[in-house]
């Protein structure tokens, strides 16, 4: 996601209401988030659907890595042979060709 450009990507709610279509075109063209303000304070941030999906994917990846590191630090790990045995029990052995 590209960083916000304060001079181009911050809009008061009233401006957004009257120019929503053009602002949405700008959002998709620039691929930068849009900040909507209300009474001079940030009230909302708009992202393209693709940027939102990428943000969520990244968050889920980071959480999975953190959980994996915590599991390793807490000793909740198994070696390759144990994993293979567990998978063979659960799903059956793969046919060797």
C-alpha atoms as a PDB file:
ATOM      1  CA  UNK A   1       0.000   0.000   0.000  1.00  0.00           C
ATOM      2  CA  UNK A   2       1.328   3.408  -0.936  1.00  0.00           C
ATOM      3  CA  UNK A   3       1.675   6.063   1.791  1.00  0.00           C
ATOM      4  CA  UNK A   4      -0.908   8.807   2.159  1.00  0.00           C
ATOM      5  CA  UNK A   5      -0.110  12.202   0.675  1.00  0.00           C
ATOM      6  CA  UNK A   6      -1.620  14.665   3.126  1.00  0.00           C
ATOM      7  CA  UNK A   7      -2.075  17.388   0.502  1.00  0.00           C
ATOM      8  CA  UNK A   8      -3.978  15.061  -1.866  1.00  0.00           C
ATOM      9  CA  UNK A   9      -5.600  12.290   0.175  1.00  0.00           C
ATOM     10  CA  UNK A  10      -7.393  14.006   3.085  1.00  0.00           C
ATOM     11  CA  UNK A  11     -10.961  15.209   2.559  1.00  0.00           C
ATOM     12  CA  UNK A  12     -13.542  16.767   4.862  1.00  0.00           C
ATOM     13  CA  UNK A  13     -16.779  14.790   4.964  1.00  0.00           C
ATOM     14  CA  UNK A  14     -18.694  17.553   3.142  1.00  0.00           C
ATOM     15  CA  UNK A  15     -16.225  17.518   0.238  1.00  0.00           C
ATOM     16  CA  UNK A  16     -16.356  13.734   0.122  1.00  0.00           C
ATOM     17  CA  UNK A  17     -20.173  13.801  -0.041  1.00  0.00           C
ATOM     18  CA  UNK A  18     -20.194  16.184  -3.006  1.00  0.00           C
ATOM     19  CA  UNK A  19     -17.238  14.688  -4.888  1.00  0.00           C
ATOM     20  CA  UNK A  20     -17.432  11.001  -3.923  1.00  0.00           C
ATOM     21  CA  UNK A  21     -17.277   9.665  -7.464  1.00  0.00           C
ATOM     22  CA  UNK A  22     -14.128  11.602  -8.349  1.00  0.00           C
ATOM     23  CA  UNK A  23     -12.492  10.795  -5.019  1.00  0.00           C
ATOM     24  CA  UNK A  24     -13.152   7.096  -5.553  1.00  0.00           C
ATOM     25  CA  UNK A  25     -11.592   7.316  -9.023  1.00  0.00           C
ATOM     26  CA  UNK A  26      -8.561   9.004  -7.450  1.00  0.00           C
ATOM     27  CA  UNK A  27      -8.382   6.236  -4.831  1.00  0.00           C
ATOM     28  CA  UNK A  28      -8.257   3.522  -7.493  1.00  0.00           C
ATOM     29  CA  UNK A  29      -5.836   5.453  -9.704  1.00  0.00           C
ATOM     30  CA  UNK A  30      -3.367   6.419  -6.967  1.00  0.00           C
ATOM     31  CA  UNK A  31      -3.692   3.214  -4.891  1.00  0.00           C
ATOM     32  CA  UNK A  32      -3.213   5.400  -1.791  1.00  0.00           C
ATOM     33  CA  UNK A  33      -5.643   5.385   1.151  1.00  0.00           C
ATOM     34  CA  UNK A  34      -8.067   8.283   1.518  1.00  0.00           C
ATOM     35  CA  UNK A  35      -8.705   9.919   4.910  1.00  0.00           C
ATOM     36  CA  UNK A  36     -12.139  11.409   5.579  1.00  0.00           C
ATOM     37  CA  UNK A  37     -12.283  14.015   8.334  1.00  0.00           C
ATOM     38  CA  UNK A  38     -15.230  15.178  10.395  1.00  0.00           C
ATOM     39  CA  UNK A  39     -14.981  18.415  12.359  1.00  0.00           C
ATOM     40  CA  UNK A  40     -11.271  18.500  11.552  1.00  0.00           C
ATOM     41  CA  UNK A  41     -10.545  15.055  13.012  1.00  0.00           C
ATOM     42  CA  UNK A  42      -9.856  11.818  11.131  1.00  0.00           C
ATOM     43  CA  UNK A  43     -13.126   9.860  10.969  1.00  0.00           C
ATOM     44  CA  UNK A  44     -12.469   7.134   8.384  1.00  0.00           C
ATOM     45  CA  UNK A  45      -9.853   5.672   6.096  1.00  0.00           C
ATOM     46  CA  UNK A  46     -10.799   4.277   2.696  1.00  0.00           C
ATOM     47  CA  UNK A  47      -8.792   1.607   0.895  1.00  0.00           C
ATOM     48  CA  UNK A  48      -9.273  -0.168  -2.400  1.00  0.00           C
ATOM     49  CA  UNK A  49     -10.635  -3.700  -1.949  1.00  0.00           C
ATOM     50  CA  UNK A  50      -7.290  -5.064  -3.167  1.00  0.00           C
ATOM     51  CA  UNK A  51      -5.358  -3.041  -0.588  1.00  0.00           C
ATOM     52  CA  UNK A  52      -7.710  -4.190   2.158  1.00  0.00           C
ATOM     53  CA  UNK A  53      -7.320  -7.855   1.127  1.00  0.00           C
ATOM     54  CA  UNK A  54      -3.518  -7.500   1.058  1.00  0.00           C
ATOM     55  CA  UNK A  55      -3.555  -5.883   4.506  1.00  0.00           C
ATOM     56  CA  UNK A  56      -5.661  -8.706   5.963  1.00  0.00           C
ATOM     57  CA  UNK A  57      -3.503 -11.384   4.290  1.00  0.00           C
ATOM     58  CA  UNK A  58      -0.357  -9.798   5.719  1.00  0.00           C
ATOM     59  CA  UNK A  59      -1.896  -9.562   9.197  1.00  0.00           C
ATOM     60  CA  UNK A  60      -2.918 -13.237   9.126  1.00  0.00           C
ATOM     61  CA  UNK A  61       0.572 -14.252   7.954  1.00  0.00           C
ATOM     62  CA  UNK A  62       2.253 -12.249  10.731  1.00  0.00           C
ATOM     63  CA  UNK A  63      -0.089 -13.751  13.343  1.00  0.00           C
ATOM     64  CA  UNK A  64       0.641 -17.276  12.077  1.00  0.00           C
ATOM     65  CA  UNK A  65       4.402 -16.658  12.248  1.00  0.00           C
ATOM     66  CA  UNK A  66       4.078 -15.240  15.784  1.00  0.00           C
ATOM     67  CA  UNK A  67       2.054 -18.284  16.836  1.00  0.00           C
ATOM     68  CA  UNK A  68       4.634 -20.606  15.295  1.00  0.00           C
ATOM     69  CA  UNK A  69       7.463 -18.840  17.124  1.00  0.00           C
ATOM     70  CA  UNK A  70       5.528 -19.003  20.395  1.00  0.00           C
ATOM     71  CA  UNK A  71       4.882 -22.726  19.865  1.00  0.00           C
ATOM     72  CA  UNK A  72       8.596 -23.296  19.201  1.00  0.00           C
ATOM     73  CA  UNK A  73       9.614 -21.278  22.268  1.00  0.00           C
ATOM     74  CA  UNK A  74       7.108 -23.210  24.392  1.00  0.00           C
ATOM     75  CA  UNK A  75       8.466 -26.527  23.148  1.00  0.00           C
ATOM     76  CA  UNK A  76       5.379 -27.476  21.128  1.00  0.00           C
ATOM     77  CA  UNK A  77       7.302 -28.875  18.174  1.00  0.00           C
ATOM     78  CA  UNK A  78       7.784 -32.275  16.610  1.00  0.00           C
ATOM     79  CA  UNK A  79      10.468 -33.600  14.296  1.00  0.00           C
ATOM     80  CA  UNK A  80       9.943 -34.626  10.672  1.00  0.00           C
ATOM     81  CA  UNK A  81       9.566 -38.321  11.469  1.00  0.00           C
ATOM     82  CA  UNK A  82       6.850 -37.682  14.070  1.00  0.00           C
ATOM     83  CA  UNK A  83       5.023 -35.417  11.618  1.00  0.00           C
ATOM     84  CA  UNK A  84       5.213 -38.019   8.848  1.00  0.00           C
ATOM     85  CA  UNK A  85       3.885 -40.722  11.189  1.00  0.00           C
ATOM     86  CA  UNK A  86       1.015 -38.485  12.354  1.00  0.00           C
ATOM     87  CA  UNK A  87       0.073 -37.580   8.773  1.00  0.00           C
ATOM     88  CA  UNK A  88       0.211 -41.222   7.697  1.00  0.00           C
ATOM     89  CA  UNK A  89      -2.137 -42.180  10.532  1.00  0.00           C
ATOM     90  CA  UNK A  90      -4.528 -39.324   9.753  1.00  0.00           C
ATOM     91  CA  UNK A  91      -4.536 -39.521   5.941  1.00  0.00           C
ATOM     92  CA  UNK A  92      -2.901 -42.829   5.051  1.00  0.00           C
ATOM     93  CA  UNK A  93       0.463 -43.358   3.440  1.00  0.00           C
ATOM     94  CA  UNK A  94       1.151 -41.820   0.073  1.00  0.00           C
ATOM     95  CA  UNK A  95       1.543 -44.289  -2.733  1.00  0.00           C
ATOM     96  CA  UNK A  96       5.210 -44.556  -3.543  1.00  0.00           C
ATOM     97  CA  UNK A  97       5.860 -44.654  -7.280  1.00  0.00           C
END
